[in-house]
Structure formats: structure tokens, C-alpha cells
Amino acid sequence: MPDARPRAHEPTNLVRFSPGARTHWHVHAVGQTLHVVCGIALVGTRDGTVFEAHPGETVSCPPGEEHWHGTAPDRFMEHIALWEATGDDTPETVWAEPVTDRQYGGHRSRGQ
């Protein structure tokens, strides 16, 4: 029977957000996948778009794309975050500045 556990180079986290919470801007060297478990996830990109994802939906953030993720202002949210390690000394994630209220409140669209 195949081993379904994540391999060491594929970190996986269940992340919980309180209403209105969001990460800082950040980028993953080899991309990131977010699978929404409950609540409404928001994923923002530098062009000002804020994608909205619902339970059971998956969002892929390409390698090198600056983004943030969080939740709607009136809901809790959980997502499973998966990303790959780089396999060398390159940082998996590079964190940047906080997301402003204006960026958080940007134009929302459903799906990606």
C-alpha cells in the first residue's frame, strides 16, 4: 500500500484564521497550494485582485508570485497549506510587509 503521508520536502500545515486575519505579503520559491476546509479564504495578488475560495476549493499560488491569504472579515477560516521545499539553502518562503486595509478590501472575484 502506498505511503500517503507528506514527504519531508512537502511541508503541510492546517492553518486557522480568526475573522479579518491575514498573512503578510510573501512569496514561495516553488509555489504553494491552499485547500479551504471551512469558512471563506481570501487570496490577494499584487495586481490588487482578491480571490475568494470556499470549502472544498483549492487555490494554487505559482512559484515566485507575491501573495497573501486570510479570511473574510466576519468568518473564521481553515485551510491546508502545502508547499515544496527547495532542496537547497534557498528559503522556501520570503516574508514582506503587512497587507494594508485597502489591499485587504480590494476587488473580490470568485475562483482563480
PDB file of N, CA and C in Angstrom:
ATOM      1  N   MET A   1       0.847  -1.177   0.000  1.00  0.00           N
ATOM      2  CA  MET A   1       0.000   0.000   0.000  1.00  0.00           C
ATOM      3  C   MET A   1       0.894   1.243   0.000  1.00  0.00           C
ATOM      4  N   PRO A   2       0.653   2.209  -0.889  1.00  0.00           N
ATOM      5  CA  PRO A   2       1.491   3.414  -0.941  1.00  0.00           C
ATOM      6  C   PRO A   2       1.375   4.237   0.338  1.00  0.00           C
ATOM      7  N   ASP A   3       2.466   4.894   0.664  1.00  0.00           N
ATOM      8  CA  ASP A   3       2.507   5.764   1.837  1.00  0.00           C
ATOM      9  C   ASP A   3       1.921   7.117   1.454  1.00  0.00           C
ATOM     10  N   ALA A   4       0.784   7.490   2.057  1.00  0.00           N
ATOM     11  CA  ALA A   4       0.094   8.738   1.705  1.00  0.00           C
ATOM     12  C   ALA A   4       0.556   9.921   2.543  1.00  0.00           C
ATOM     13  N   ARG A   5       1.472   9.708   3.461  1.00  0.00           N
ATOM     14  CA  ARG A   5       1.954  10.821   4.283  1.00  0.00           C
ATOM     15  C   ARG A   5       2.787  11.779   3.442  1.00  0.00           C
ATOM     16  N   PRO A   6       2.733  13.092   3.763  1.00  0.00           N
ATOM     17  CA  PRO A   6       3.573  14.045   3.021  1.00  0.00           C
ATOM     18  C   PRO A   6       5.047  13.702   3.207  1.00  0.00           C
ATOM     19  N   ARG A   7       5.810  13.865   2.161  1.00  0.00           N
ATOM     20  CA  ARG A   7       7.242  13.640   2.254  1.00  0.00           C
ATOM     21  C   ARG A   7       7.894  14.842   2.927  1.00  0.00           C
ATOM     22  N   ALA A   8       9.108  14.676   3.398  1.00  0.00           N
ATOM     23  CA  ALA A   8       9.805  15.727   4.148  1.00  0.00           C
ATOM     24  C   ALA A   8       9.954  17.009   3.344  1.00  0.00           C
ATOM     25  N   HIS A   9      10.005  16.919   2.010  1.00  0.00           N
ATOM     26  CA  HIS A   9      10.179  18.125   1.194  1.00  0.00           C
ATOM     27  C   HIS A   9       8.833  18.745   0.801  1.00  0.00           C
ATOM     28  N   GLU A  10       7.740  18.242   1.383  1.00  0.00           N
ATOM     29  CA  GLU A  10       6.413  18.795   1.124  1.00  0.00           C
ATOM     30  C   GLU A  10       5.738  19.161   2.443  1.00  0.00           C
ATOM     31  N   PRO A  11       6.168  20.260   3.069  1.00  0.00           N
ATOM     32  CA  PRO A  11       5.533  20.653   4.336  1.00  0.00           C
ATOM     33  C   PRO A  11       4.043  20.896   4.161  1.00  0.00           C
ATOM     34  N   THR A  12       3.280  20.533   5.178  1.00  0.00           N
ATOM     35  CA  THR A  12       1.832  20.694   5.171  1.00  0.00           C
ATOM     36  C   THR A  12       1.394  21.238   6.522  1.00  0.00           C
ATOM     37  N   ASN A  13       0.556  22.264   6.519  1.00  0.00           N
ATOM     38  CA  ASN A  13       0.040  22.841   7.759  1.00  0.00           C
ATOM     39  C   ASN A  13      -1.459  23.060   7.650  1.00  0.00           C
ATOM     40  N   LEU A  14      -2.171  22.805   8.751  1.00  0.00           N
ATOM     41  CA  LEU A  14      -3.561  23.240   8.871  1.00  0.00           C
ATOM     42  C   LEU A  14      -3.491  24.594   9.558  1.00  0.00           C
ATOM     43  N   VAL A  15      -3.982  25.621   8.879  1.00  0.00           N
ATOM     44  CA  VAL A  15      -3.869  26.991   9.384  1.00  0.00           C
ATOM     45  C   VAL A  15      -5.266  27.518   9.685  1.00  0.00           C
ATOM     46  N   ARG A  16      -5.437  28.091  10.866  1.00  0.00           N
ATOM     47  CA  ARG A  16      -6.729  28.652  11.275  1.00  0.00           C
ATOM     48  C   ARG A  16      -6.606  30.167  11.375  1.00  0.00           C
ATOM     49  N   PHE A  17      -7.598  30.859  10.824  1.00  0.00           N
ATOM     50  CA  PHE A  17      -7.633  32.314  10.837  1.00  0.00           C
ATOM     51  C   PHE A  17      -8.889  32.784  11.564  1.00  0.00           C
ATOM     52  N   SER A  18      -8.744  33.793  12.399  1.00  0.00           N
ATOM     53  CA  SER A  18      -9.913  34.429  13.016  1.00  0.00           C
ATOM     54  C   SER A  18     -10.453  35.466  12.033  1.00  0.00           C
ATOM     55  N   PRO A  19     -11.700  35.915  12.200  1.00  0.00           N
ATOM     56  CA  PRO A  19     -12.282  36.872  11.259  1.00  0.00           C
ATOM     57  C   PRO A  19     -11.376  38.085  11.021  1.00  0.00           C
ATOM     58  N   GLY A  20     -11.163  38.404   9.750  1.00  0.00           N
ATOM     59  CA  GLY A  20     -10.365  39.559   9.367  1.00  0.00           C
ATOM     60  C   GLY A  20      -8.859  39.349   9.385  1.00  0.00           C
ATOM     61  N   ALA A  21      -8.396  38.192   9.820  1.00  0.00           N
ATOM     62  CA  ALA A  21      -6.948  37.935   9.894  1.00  0.00           C
ATOM     63  C   ALA A  21      -6.373  37.688   8.502  1.00  0.00           C
ATOM     64  N   ARG A  22      -5.109  38.041   8.327  1.00  0.00           N
ATOM     65  CA  ARG A  22      -4.415  37.766   7.074  1.00  0.00           C
ATOM     66  C   ARG A  22      -2.919  37.728   7.319  1.00  0.00           C
ATOM     67  N   THR A  23      -2.221  37.042   6.419  1.00  0.00           N
ATOM     68  CA  THR A  23      -0.771  36.969   6.493  1.00  0.00           C
ATOM     69  C   THR A  23      -0.174  38.284   6.001  1.00  0.00           C
ATOM     70  N   HIS A  24       1.136  38.386   6.076  1.00  0.00           N
ATOM     71  CA  HIS A  24       1.864  39.449   5.384  1.00  0.00           C
ATOM     72  C   HIS A  24       2.011  39.012   3.923  1.00  0.00           C
ATOM     73  N   TRP A  25       2.417  39.934   3.086  1.00  0.00           N
ATOM     74  CA  TRP A  25       2.800  39.574   1.726  1.00  0.00           C
ATOM     75  C   TRP A  25       3.940  38.579   1.826  1.00  0.00           C
ATOM     76  N   HIS A  26       3.955  37.607   0.943  1.00  0.00           N
ATOM     77  CA  HIS A  26       5.055  36.656   0.924  1.00  0.00           C
ATOM     78  C   HIS A  26       5.115  35.960  -0.427  1.00  0.00           C
ATOM     79  N   VAL A  27       6.203  35.235  -0.646  1.00  0.00           N
ATOM     80  CA  VAL A  27       6.417  34.511  -1.891  1.00  0.00           C
ATOM     81  C   VAL A  27       7.051  33.167  -1.547  1.00  0.00           C
ATOM     82  N   HIS A  28       6.660  32.142  -2.293  1.00  0.00           N
ATOM     83  CA  HIS A  28       7.221  30.798  -2.126  1.00  0.00           C
ATOM     84  C   HIS A  28       8.069  30.474  -3.352  1.00  0.00           C
ATOM     85  N   ALA A  29       9.270  29.990  -3.112  1.00  0.00           N
ATOM     86  CA  ALA A  29      10.203  29.709  -4.201  1.00  0.00           C
ATOM     87  C   ALA A  29       9.639  28.719  -5.209  1.00  0.00           C
ATOM     88  N   VAL A  30       8.902  27.716  -4.738  1.00  0.00           N
ATOM     89  CA  VAL A  30       8.364  26.706  -5.656  1.00  0.00           C
ATOM     90  C   VAL A  30       6.839  26.640  -5.618  1.00  0.00           C
ATOM     91  N   GLY A  31       6.199  27.710  -5.168  1.00  0.00           N
ATOM     92  CA  GLY A  31       4.740  27.790  -5.173  1.00  0.00           C
ATOM     93  C   GLY A  31       4.101  27.257  -3.904  1.00  0.00           C
ATOM     94  N   GLN A  32       2.786  27.380  -3.834  1.00  0.00           N
ATOM     95  CA  GLN A  32       2.028  26.940  -2.667  1.00  0.00           C
ATOM     96  C   GLN A  32       0.617  26.566  -3.121  1.00  0.00           C
ATOM     97  N   THR A  33       0.053  25.571  -2.444  1.00  0.00           N
ATOM     98  CA  THR A  33      -1.324  25.158  -2.687  1.00  0.00           C
ATOM     99  C   THR A  33      -2.103  25.320  -1.398  1.00  0.00           C
ATOM    100  N   LEU A  34      -3.272  25.933  -1.484  1.00  0.00           N
ATOM    101  CA  LEU A  34      -4.147  26.132  -0.332  1.00  0.00           C
ATOM    102  C   LEU A  34      -5.463  25.411  -0.597  1.00  0.00           C
ATOM    103  N   HIS A  35      -5.856  24.538   0.325  1.00  0.00           N
ATOM    104  CA  HIS A  35      -7.134  23.844   0.205  1.00  0.00           C
ATOM    105  C   HIS A  35      -8.021  24.307   1.358  1.00  0.00           C
ATOM    106  N   VAL A  36      -9.148  24.933   1.035  1.00  0.00           N
ATOM    107  CA  VAL A  36     -10.029  25.504   2.051  1.00  0.00           C
ATOM    108  C   VAL A  36     -10.854  24.397   2.696  1.00  0.00           C
ATOM    109  N   VAL A  37     -10.804  24.347   4.025  1.00  0.00           N
ATOM    110  CA  VAL A  37     -11.534  23.343   4.797  1.00  0.00           C
ATOM    111  C   VAL A  37     -12.871  23.910   5.272  1.00  0.00           C
ATOM    112  N   CYS A  38     -12.850  25.129   5.824  1.00  0.00           N
ATOM    113  CA  CYS A  38     -14.085  25.770   6.259  1.00  0.00           C
ATOM    114  C   CYS A  38     -13.917  27.282   6.204  1.00  0.00           C
ATOM    115  N   GLY A  39     -15.041  27.993   6.123  1.00  0.00           N
ATOM    116  CA  GLY A  39     -15.007  29.450   6.045  1.00  0.00           C
ATOM    117  C   GLY A  39     -14.768  29.928   4.624  1.00  0.00           C
ATOM    118  N   ILE A  40     -14.425  31.204   4.505  1.00  0.00           N
ATOM    119  CA  ILE A  40     -14.129  31.803   3.199  1.00  0.00           C
ATOM    120  C   ILE A  40     -12.696  32.306   3.223  1.00  0.00           C
ATOM    121  N   ALA A  41     -11.879  31.775   2.324  1.00  0.00           N
ATOM    122  CA  ALA A  41     -10.485  32.203   2.209  1.00  0.00           C
ATOM    123  C   ALA A  41     -10.392  33.351   1.217  1.00  0.00           C
ATOM    124  N   LEU A  42      -9.512  34.273   1.507  1.00  0.00           N
ATOM    125  CA  LEU A  42      -9.185  35.356   0.587  1.00  0.00           C
ATOM    126  C   LEU A  42      -7.713  35.227   0.231  1.00  0.00           C
ATOM    127  N   VAL A  43      -7.398  35.343  -1.051  1.00  0.00           N
ATOM    128  CA  VAL A  43      -6.012  35.288  -1.515  1.00  0.00           C
ATOM    129  C   VAL A  43      -5.794  36.493  -2.405  1.00  0.00           C
ATOM    130  N   GLY A  44      -4.879  37.369  -1.992  1.00  0.00           N
ATOM    131  CA  GLY A  44      -4.627  38.599  -2.727  1.00  0.00           C
ATOM    132  C   GLY A  44      -3.333  38.546  -3.511  1.00  0.00           C
ATOM    133  N   THR A  45      -3.332  39.208  -4.667  1.00  0.00           N
ATOM    134  CA  THR A  45      -2.139  39.294  -5.507  1.00  0.00           C
ATOM    135  C   THR A  45      -1.754  40.764  -5.693  1.00  0.00           C
ATOM    136  N   ARG A  46      -0.546  41.001  -6.155  1.00  0.00           N
ATOM    137  CA  ARG A  46      -0.026  42.365  -6.261  1.00  0.00           C
ATOM    138  C   ARG A  46      -0.795  43.236  -7.245  1.00  0.00           C
ATOM    139  N   ASP A  47      -1.553  42.648  -8.156  1.00  0.00           N
ATOM    140  CA  ASP A  47      -2.327  43.470  -9.089  1.00  0.00           C
ATOM    141  C   ASP A  47      -3.606  44.006  -8.455  1.00  0.00           C
ATOM    142  N   GLY A  48      -3.832  43.698  -7.169  1.00  0.00           N
ATOM    143  CA  GLY A  48      -4.988  44.215  -6.453  1.00  0.00           C
ATOM    144  C   GLY A  48      -6.181  43.285  -6.410  1.00  0.00           C
ATOM    145  N   THR A  49      -6.107  42.158  -7.117  1.00  0.00           N
ATOM    146  CA  THR A  49      -7.205  41.200  -7.101  1.00  0.00           C
ATOM    147  C   THR A  49      -7.188  40.408  -5.802  1.00  0.00           C
ATOM    148  N   VAL A  50      -8.372  40.169  -5.257  1.00  0.00           N
ATOM    149  CA  VAL A  50      -8.533  39.325  -4.083  1.00  0.00           C
ATOM    150  C   VAL A  50      -9.464  38.185  -4.484  1.00  0.00           C
ATOM    151  N   PHE A  51      -8.906  36.976  -4.562  1.00  0.00           N
ATOM    152  CA  PHE A  51      -9.687  35.803  -4.915  1.00  0.00           C
ATOM    153  C   PHE A  51     -10.400  35.278  -3.679  1.00  0.00           C
ATOM    154  N   GLU A  52     -11.608  34.795  -3.856  1.00  0.00           N
ATOM    155  CA  GLU A  52     -12.403  34.230  -2.776  1.00  0.00           C
ATOM    156  C   GLU A  52     -12.554  32.733  -3.032  1.00  0.00           C
ATOM    157  N   ALA A  53     -12.249  31.909  -2.025  1.00  0.00           N
ATOM    158  CA  ALA A  53     -12.364  30.457  -2.162  1.00  0.00           C
ATOM    159  C   ALA A  53     -13.178  29.909  -0.996  1.00  0.00           C
ATOM    160  N   HIS A  54     -14.012  28.912  -1.294  1.00  0.00           N
ATOM    161  CA  HIS A  54     -14.937  28.335  -0.319  1.00  0.00           C
ATOM    162  C   HIS A  54     -14.539  26.908   0.024  1.00  0.00           C
ATOM    163  N   PRO A  55     -15.145  26.320   1.072  1.00  0.00           N
ATOM    164  CA  PRO A  55     -14.780  24.964   1.487  1.00  0.00           C
ATOM    165  C   PRO A  55     -14.805  23.972   0.320  1.00  0.00           C
ATOM    166  N   GLY A  56     -13.750  23.164   0.271  1.00  0.00           N
ATOM    167  CA  GLY A  56     -13.605  22.179  -0.794  1.00  0.00           C
ATOM    168  C   GLY A  56     -12.865  22.697  -2.007  1.00  0.00           C
ATOM    169  N   GLU A  57     -12.623  24.003  -2.084  1.00  0.00           N
ATOM    170  CA  GLU A  57     -11.911  24.583  -3.227  1.00  0.00           C
ATOM    171  C   GLU A  57     -10.419  24.686  -2.931  1.00  0.00           C
ATOM    172  N   THR A  58      -9.632  24.622  -3.997  1.00  0.00           N
ATOM    173  CA  THR A  58      -8.175  24.667  -3.892  1.00  0.00           C
ATOM    174  C   THR A  58      -7.651  25.827  -4.727  1.00  0.00           C
ATOM    175  N   VAL A  59      -6.708  26.554  -4.165  1.00  0.00           N
ATOM    176  CA  VAL A  59      -6.071  27.685  -4.845  1.00  0.00           C
ATOM    177  C   VAL A  59      -4.590  27.379  -4.989  1.00  0.00           C
ATOM    178  N   SER A  60      -4.047  27.581  -6.172  1.00  0.00           N
ATOM    179  CA  SER A  60      -2.618  27.391  -6.412  1.00  0.00           C
ATOM    180  C   SER A  60      -1.949  28.739  -6.601  1.00  0.00           C
ATOM    181  N   CYS A  61      -0.891  28.966  -5.854  1.00  0.00           N
ATOM    182  CA  CYS A  61      -0.090  30.186  -5.983  1.00  0.00           C
ATOM    183  C   CYS A  61       1.196  29.781  -6.694  1.00  0.00           C
ATOM    184  N   PRO A  62       1.449  30.288  -7.895  1.00  0.00           N
ATOM    185  CA  PRO A  62       2.625  29.871  -8.669  1.00  0.00           C
ATOM    186  C   PRO A  62       3.938  30.254  -7.997  1.00  0.00           C
ATOM    187  N   PRO A  63       5.012  29.571  -8.343  1.00  0.00           N
ATOM    188  CA  PRO A  63       6.330  29.933  -7.822  1.00  0.00           C
ATOM    189  C   PRO A  63       6.642  31.400  -8.110  1.00  0.00           C
ATOM    190  N   GLY A  64       7.165  32.086  -7.108  1.00  0.00           N
ATOM    191  CA  GLY A  64       7.584  33.467  -7.284  1.00  0.00           C
ATOM    192  C   GLY A  64       6.485  34.505  -7.257  1.00  0.00           C
ATOM    193  N   GLU A  65       5.216  34.110  -7.113  1.00  0.00           N
ATOM    194  CA  GLU A  65       4.128  35.089  -7.088  1.00  0.00           C
ATOM    195  C   GLU A  65       3.933  35.630  -5.673  1.00  0.00           C
ATOM    196  N   GLU A  66       4.067  36.956  -5.521  1.00  0.00           N
ATOM    197  CA  GLU A  66       3.791  37.564  -4.224  1.00  0.00           C
ATOM    198  C   GLU A  66       2.298  37.527  -3.965  1.00  0.00           C
ATOM    199  N   HIS A  67       1.930  37.115  -2.765  1.00  0.00           N
ATOM    200  CA  HIS A  67       0.519  36.984  -2.422  1.00  0.00           C
ATOM    201  C   HIS A  67       0.352  37.048  -0.909  1.00  0.00           C
ATOM    202  N   TRP A  68      -0.888  37.092  -0.496  1.00  0.00           N
ATOM    203  CA  TRP A  68      -1.239  36.967   0.916  1.00  0.00           C
ATOM    204  C   TRP A  68      -2.506  36.132   0.981  1.00  0.00           C
ATOM    205  N   HIS A  69      -2.793  35.579   2.150  1.00  0.00           N
ATOM    206  CA  HIS A  69      -4.058  34.888   2.330  1.00  0.00           C
ATOM    207  C   HIS A  69      -4.585  35.158   3.718  1.00  0.00           C
ATOM    208  N   GLY A  70      -5.906  35.102   3.819  1.00  0.00           N
ATOM    209  CA  GLY A  70      -6.574  35.374   5.078  1.00  0.00           C
ATOM    210  C   GLY A  70      -8.026  34.962   4.964  1.00  0.00           C
ATOM    211  N   THR A  71      -8.859  35.608   5.760  1.00  0.00           N
ATOM    212  CA  THR A  71     -10.265  35.244   5.788  1.00  0.00           C
ATOM    213  C   THR A  71     -11.151  36.476   5.680  1.00  0.00           C
ATOM    214  N   ALA A  72     -12.402  36.226   5.403  1.00  0.00           N
ATOM    215  CA  ALA A  72     -13.387  37.303   5.333  1.00  0.00           C
ATOM    216  C   ALA A  72     -13.491  37.994   6.695  1.00  0.00           C
ATOM    217  N   PRO A  73     -13.926  39.242   6.715  1.00  0.00           N
ATOM    218  CA  PRO A  73     -13.951  39.996   7.970  1.00  0.00           C
ATOM    219  C   PRO A  73     -14.938  39.460   9.010  1.00  0.00           C
ATOM    220  N   ASP A  74     -15.886  38.634   8.587  1.00  0.00           N
ATOM    221  CA  ASP A  74     -16.921  38.178   9.514  1.00  0.00           C
ATOM    222  C   ASP A  74     -16.955  36.662   9.708  1.00  0.00           C
ATOM    223  N   ARG A  75     -15.881  35.962   9.319  1.00  0.00           N
ATOM    224  CA  ARG A  75     -15.880  34.498   9.409  1.00  0.00           C
ATOM    225  C   ARG A  75     -14.525  33.952   9.833  1.00  0.00           C
ATOM    226  N   PHE A  76     -14.573  32.836  10.536  1.00  0.00           N
ATOM    227  CA  PHE A  76     -13.362  32.066  10.780  1.00  0.00           C
ATOM    228  C   PHE A  76     -13.074  31.279   9.501  1.00  0.00           C
ATOM    229  N   MET A  77     -11.832  30.825   9.324  1.00  0.00           N
ATOM    230  CA  MET A  77     -11.482  30.043   8.141  1.00  0.00           C
ATOM    231  C   MET A  77     -10.334  29.110   8.494  1.00  0.00           C
ATOM    232  N   GLU A  78     -10.355  27.929   7.898  1.00  0.00           N
ATOM    233  CA  GLU A  78      -9.241  26.986   7.990  1.00  0.00           C
ATOM    234  C   GLU A  78      -8.862  26.568   6.578  1.00  0.00           C
ATOM    235  N   HIS A  79      -7.549  26.495   6.333  1.00  0.00           N
ATOM    236  CA  HIS A  79      -7.092  25.912   5.078  1.00  0.00           C
ATOM    237  C   HIS A  79      -5.885  25.042   5.348  1.00  0.00           C
ATOM    238  N   ILE A  80      -5.692  24.101   4.453  1.00  0.00           N
ATOM    239  CA  ILE A  80      -4.484  23.281   4.481  1.00  0.00           C
ATOM    240  C   ILE A  80      -3.519  23.930   3.503  1.00  0.00           C
ATOM    241  N   ALA A  81      -2.334  24.256   3.996  1.00  0.00           N
ATOM    242  CA  ALA A  81      -1.309  24.886   3.159  1.00  0.00           C
ATOM    243  C   ALA A  81      -0.230  23.850   2.846  1.00  0.00           C
ATOM    244  N   LEU A  82       0.068  23.682   1.564  1.00  0.00           N
ATOM    245  CA  LEU A  82       1.100  22.757   1.111  1.00  0.00           C
ATOM    246  C   LEU A  82       2.083  23.519   0.237  1.00  0.00           C
ATOM    247  N   TRP A  83       3.349  23.252   0.400  1.00  0.00           N
ATOM    248  CA  TRP A  83       4.368  23.841  -0.453  1.00  0.00           C
ATOM    249  C   TRP A  83       5.558  22.907  -0.469  1.00  0.00           C
ATOM    250  N   GLU A  84       6.422  23.087  -1.425  1.00  0.00           N
ATOM    251  CA  GLU A  84       7.584  22.223  -1.548  1.00  0.00           C
ATOM    252  C   GLU A  84       8.823  22.929  -1.039  1.00  0.00           C
ATOM    253  N   ALA A  85       9.688  22.153  -0.436  1.00  0.00           N
ATOM    254  CA  ALA A  85      10.990  22.676  -0.034  1.00  0.00           C
ATOM    255  C   ALA A  85      11.843  22.830  -1.291  1.00  0.00           C
ATOM    256  N   THR A  86      12.830  23.685  -1.209  1.00  0.00           N
ATOM    257  CA  THR A  86      13.662  23.958  -2.380  1.00  0.00           C
ATOM    258  C   THR A  86      14.738  22.906  -2.605  1.00  0.00           C
ATOM    259  N   GLY A  87      15.096  22.153  -1.570  1.00  0.00           N
ATOM    260  CA  GLY A  87      16.127  21.134  -1.713  1.00  0.00           C
ATOM    261  C   GLY A  87      17.537  21.676  -1.569  1.00  0.00           C
ATOM    262  N   ASP A  88      17.662  22.966  -1.338  1.00  0.00           N
ATOM    263  CA  ASP A  88      18.978  23.571  -1.104  1.00  0.00           C
ATOM    264  C   ASP A  88      18.822  24.641  -0.026  1.00  0.00           C
ATOM    265  N   ASP A  89      19.736  25.582   0.039  1.00  0.00           N
ATOM    266  CA  ASP A  89      19.680  26.623   1.074  1.00  0.00           C
ATOM    267  C   ASP A  89      18.766  27.796   0.721  1.00  0.00           C
ATOM    268  N   THR A  90      18.128  27.769  -0.438  1.00  0.00           N
ATOM    269  CA  THR A  90      17.204  28.827  -0.822  1.00  0.00           C
ATOM    270  C   THR A  90      16.003  28.807   0.113  1.00  0.00           C
ATOM    271  N   PRO A  91      15.601  29.959   0.649  1.00  0.00           N
ATOM    272  CA  PRO A  91      14.436  29.971   1.538  1.00  0.00           C
ATOM    273  C   PRO A  91      13.173  29.502   0.808  1.00  0.00           C
ATOM    274  N   GLU A  92      12.360  28.693   1.495  1.00  0.00           N
ATOM    275  CA  GLU A  92      11.091  28.234   0.924  1.00  0.00           C
ATOM    276  C   GLU A  92      10.112  29.400   0.800  1.00  0.00           C
ATOM    277  N   THR A  93      10.124  30.278   1.817  1.00  0.00           N
ATOM    278  CA  THR A  93       9.199  31.412   1.882  1.00  0.00           C
ATOM    279  C   THR A  93       9.980  32.663   2.244  1.00  0.00           C
ATOM    280  N   VAL A  94       9.689  33.758   1.552  1.00  0.00           N
ATOM    281  CA  VAL A  94      10.271  35.058   1.882  1.00  0.00           C
ATOM    282  C   VAL A  94       9.113  35.975   2.256  1.00  0.00           C
ATOM    283  N   TRP A  95       9.160  36.493   3.480  1.00  0.00           N
ATOM    284  CA  TRP A  95       8.083  37.347   4.000  1.00  0.00           C
ATOM    285  C   TRP A  95       8.384  38.810   3.726  1.00  0.00           C
ATOM    286  N   ALA A  96       7.331  39.573   3.462  1.00  0.00           N
ATOM    287  CA  ALA A  96       7.460  41.001   3.161  1.00  0.00           C
ATOM    288  C   ALA A  96       6.573  41.807   4.115  1.00  0.00           C
ATOM    289  N   GLU A  97       6.119  42.965   3.670  1.00  0.00           N
ATOM    290  CA  GLU A  97       5.395  43.914   4.519  1.00  0.00           C
ATOM    291  C   GLU A  97       3.967  43.439   4.815  1.00  0.00           C
ATOM    292  N   PRO A  98       3.356  44.037   5.840  1.00  0.00           N
ATOM    293  CA  PRO A  98       1.959  43.713   6.147  1.00  0.00           C
ATOM    294  C   PRO A  98       1.025  44.120   5.003  1.00  0.00           C
ATOM    295  N   VAL A  99      -0.092  43.440   4.911  1.00  0.00           N
ATOM    296  CA  VAL A  99      -1.148  43.784   3.959  1.00  0.00           C
ATOM    297  C   VAL A  99      -1.942  44.943   4.557  1.00  0.00           C
ATOM    298  N   THR A 100      -2.130  45.995   3.791  1.00  0.00           N
ATOM    299  CA  THR A 100      -2.880  47.148   4.291  1.00  0.00           C
ATOM    300  C   THR A 100      -4.382  46.850   4.278  1.00  0.00           C
ATOM    301  N   ASP A 101      -5.134  47.652   5.007  1.00  0.00           N
ATOM    302  CA  ASP A 101      -6.592  47.500   4.988  1.00  0.00           C
ATOM    303  C   ASP A 101      -7.143  47.714   3.579  1.00  0.00           C
ATOM    304  N   ARG A 102      -6.549  48.630   2.838  1.00  0.00           N
ATOM    305  CA  ARG A 102      -7.003  48.890   1.466  1.00  0.00           C
ATOM    306  C   ARG A 102      -6.750  47.675   0.565  1.00  0.00           C
ATOM    307  N   GLN A 103      -5.569  47.046   0.693  1.00  0.00           N
ATOM    308  CA  GLN A 103      -5.274  45.854  -0.095  1.00  0.00           C
ATOM    309  C   GLN A 103      -6.210  44.708   0.292  1.00  0.00           C
ATOM    310  N   TYR A 104      -6.439  44.558   1.577  1.00  0.00           N
ATOM    311  CA  TYR A 104      -7.337  43.509   2.088  1.00  0.00           C
ATOM    312  C   TYR A 104      -8.750  43.693   1.545  1.00  0.00           C
ATOM    313  N   GLY A 105      -9.177  44.917   1.418  1.00  0.00           N
ATOM    314  CA  GLY A 105     -10.530  45.211   0.949  1.00  0.00           C
ATOM    315  C   GLY A 105     -10.660  45.365  -0.550  1.00  0.00           C
ATOM    316  N   GLY A 106      -9.644  44.922  -1.315  1.00  0.00           N
ATOM    317  CA  GLY A 106      -9.659  45.072  -2.764  1.00  0.00           C
ATOM    318  C   GLY A 106     -10.796  44.324  -3.447  1.00  0.00           C
ATOM    319  N   HIS A 107     -10.923  44.535  -4.748  1.00  0.00           N
ATOM    320  CA  HIS A 107     -11.977  43.904  -5.542  1.00  0.00           C
ATOM    321  C   HIS A 107     -11.880  42.389  -5.434  1.00  0.00           C
ATOM    322  N   ARG A 108     -12.974  41.744  -5.039  1.00  0.00           N
ATOM    323  CA  ARG A 108     -13.005  40.287  -4.894  1.00  0.00           C
ATOM    324  C   ARG A 108     -13.549  39.615  -6.131  1.00  0.00           C
ATOM    325  N   SER A 109     -12.981  38.470  -6.459  1.00  0.00           N
ATOM    326  CA  SER A 109     -13.524  37.647  -7.530  1.00  0.00           C
ATOM    327  C   SER A 109     -13.567  36.205  -7.051  1.00  0.00           C
ATOM    328  N   ARG A 110     -14.511  35.443  -7.577  1.00  0.00           N
ATOM    329  CA  ARG A 110     -14.652  34.034  -7.215  1.00  0.00           C
ATOM    330  C   ARG A 110     -13.790  33.185  -8.116  1.00  0.00           C
ATOM    331  N   GLY A 111     -13.092  32.256  -7.517  1.00  0.00           N
ATOM    332  CA  GLY A 111     -12.271  31.324  -8.282  1.00  0.00           C
ATOM    333  C   GLY A 111     -10.999  31.953  -8.772  1.00  0.00           C
ATOM    334  N   GLN A 112     -10.209  31.130  -9.440  1.00  0.00           N
ATOM    335  CA  GLN A 112      -8.926  31.618  -9.921  1.00  0.00           C
ATOM    336  C   GLN A 112      -8.715  31.233 -11.344  1.00  0.00           C
TER     337      GLN A 112
END
